[in-house]
């Protein structure tokens, strides 16, 4: 099977390089020129934060590298190329195309795949954040099967000695839209054999909206300028995330959108649990913050990268705002988030807001006294509910 990964970012590199553990899978990557230069010079590493042993991918068999960090030296890197417009021959042999670009580039990728006369038998799968990417690809490729996938785990780019290094920080599943398809079945089997928990879902729309609600944290993390684990350990940041999720739940209910669970929790319950005091949250949600200490959201990476001038905020908080206007539901916190991220993007860097600064910016109407009373009132709820729910909680923070 030949898999073409369009977009060699964190998710694209992790999934594509992991697939190489399958002896029968050929993987090609379409990336930016500067990334190709880096990989050609230093090689590339992929793996999990749960393991530290590094093996030479060119010298290990597939069974030996599962659960390790695999390093591809420059002379052994897979096929990386720049741009779709000149890759017609490559696409003619594709069985599966994994679209992993930023949502802002979905239209151009769809048009390029159409222009390249991608074989109608090729399966196109979107592994992107936000809503609407699948619809855009389907409009561009009406004769192809286009599926949506939900990446439940976070992948952090943590370069070591200039080597691009992509580490999975959580072991949540990779969910694919359920559809009878031989290429899809082969892909899922290859991923499972490589150590990725890949499976089908029959409630894709509900799972997608749940993932969007969790991804509302991307804006909080981007504006904080802090690693995810540190940000989620601060109640001030979590209060803002809780407000974003509660607004999102209200909007989605008004729009009659199905909302899946986040692990074992309803998003509205999670929004309440986020308000726990720091000491209690660290105790109960240990798995949520047990991620690589340097891991951050892709949106924070966008703000810090001078070569990028756009983020996915319009497809996350912006989508909640759009639906809120459509169904007459106020979304003041998400409105402020969209504005703040656009402002930071225009300045070309994260403002690195402290927890108190973020609370003041996004929750100005909520007094500290009310906040303390809220904590006292909900504390018994945390103690009773947490042990039942949080023992199996897995969170999607990518």
Foldseek 3Di string as FASTA:
>chain_A
DEEEEEECDQVSVQLQVLLVLDVPYAYAYEYAPVVVVLCLQANAKEAAPVEDDEDAPVPDHSVVCQRHIYTDGNVRHHHYHYDLQPCLVVQQPAQEYEYEHALVCLLVVLQSCLVSCRPQNHEYEYAYAFPDSQVSNCVSPVSHHYWYKYDQWDWFFDDDPSHTYIHTFDQDAIEIADDDDPVVVVSCVSSVSSPHRYDYDPQVQQDNLQLLLLQVLQLLQLQQLAAPLVQLLDLLSLLLSLLLSVLLVVLCVLVVGHHDAQFQHGSNVVSLLSLAHNVLCCVLQVVASRGPRRGHHVLNVQLQDQVHLDHCLCRRLVVSCVSCVVRVHDDQLSVLSVVQSNVSSVVRHHNNDDSVRSCCSRVVVDDPVNSVVSNVVCVVVCVVPRVVRSVRGDGRND
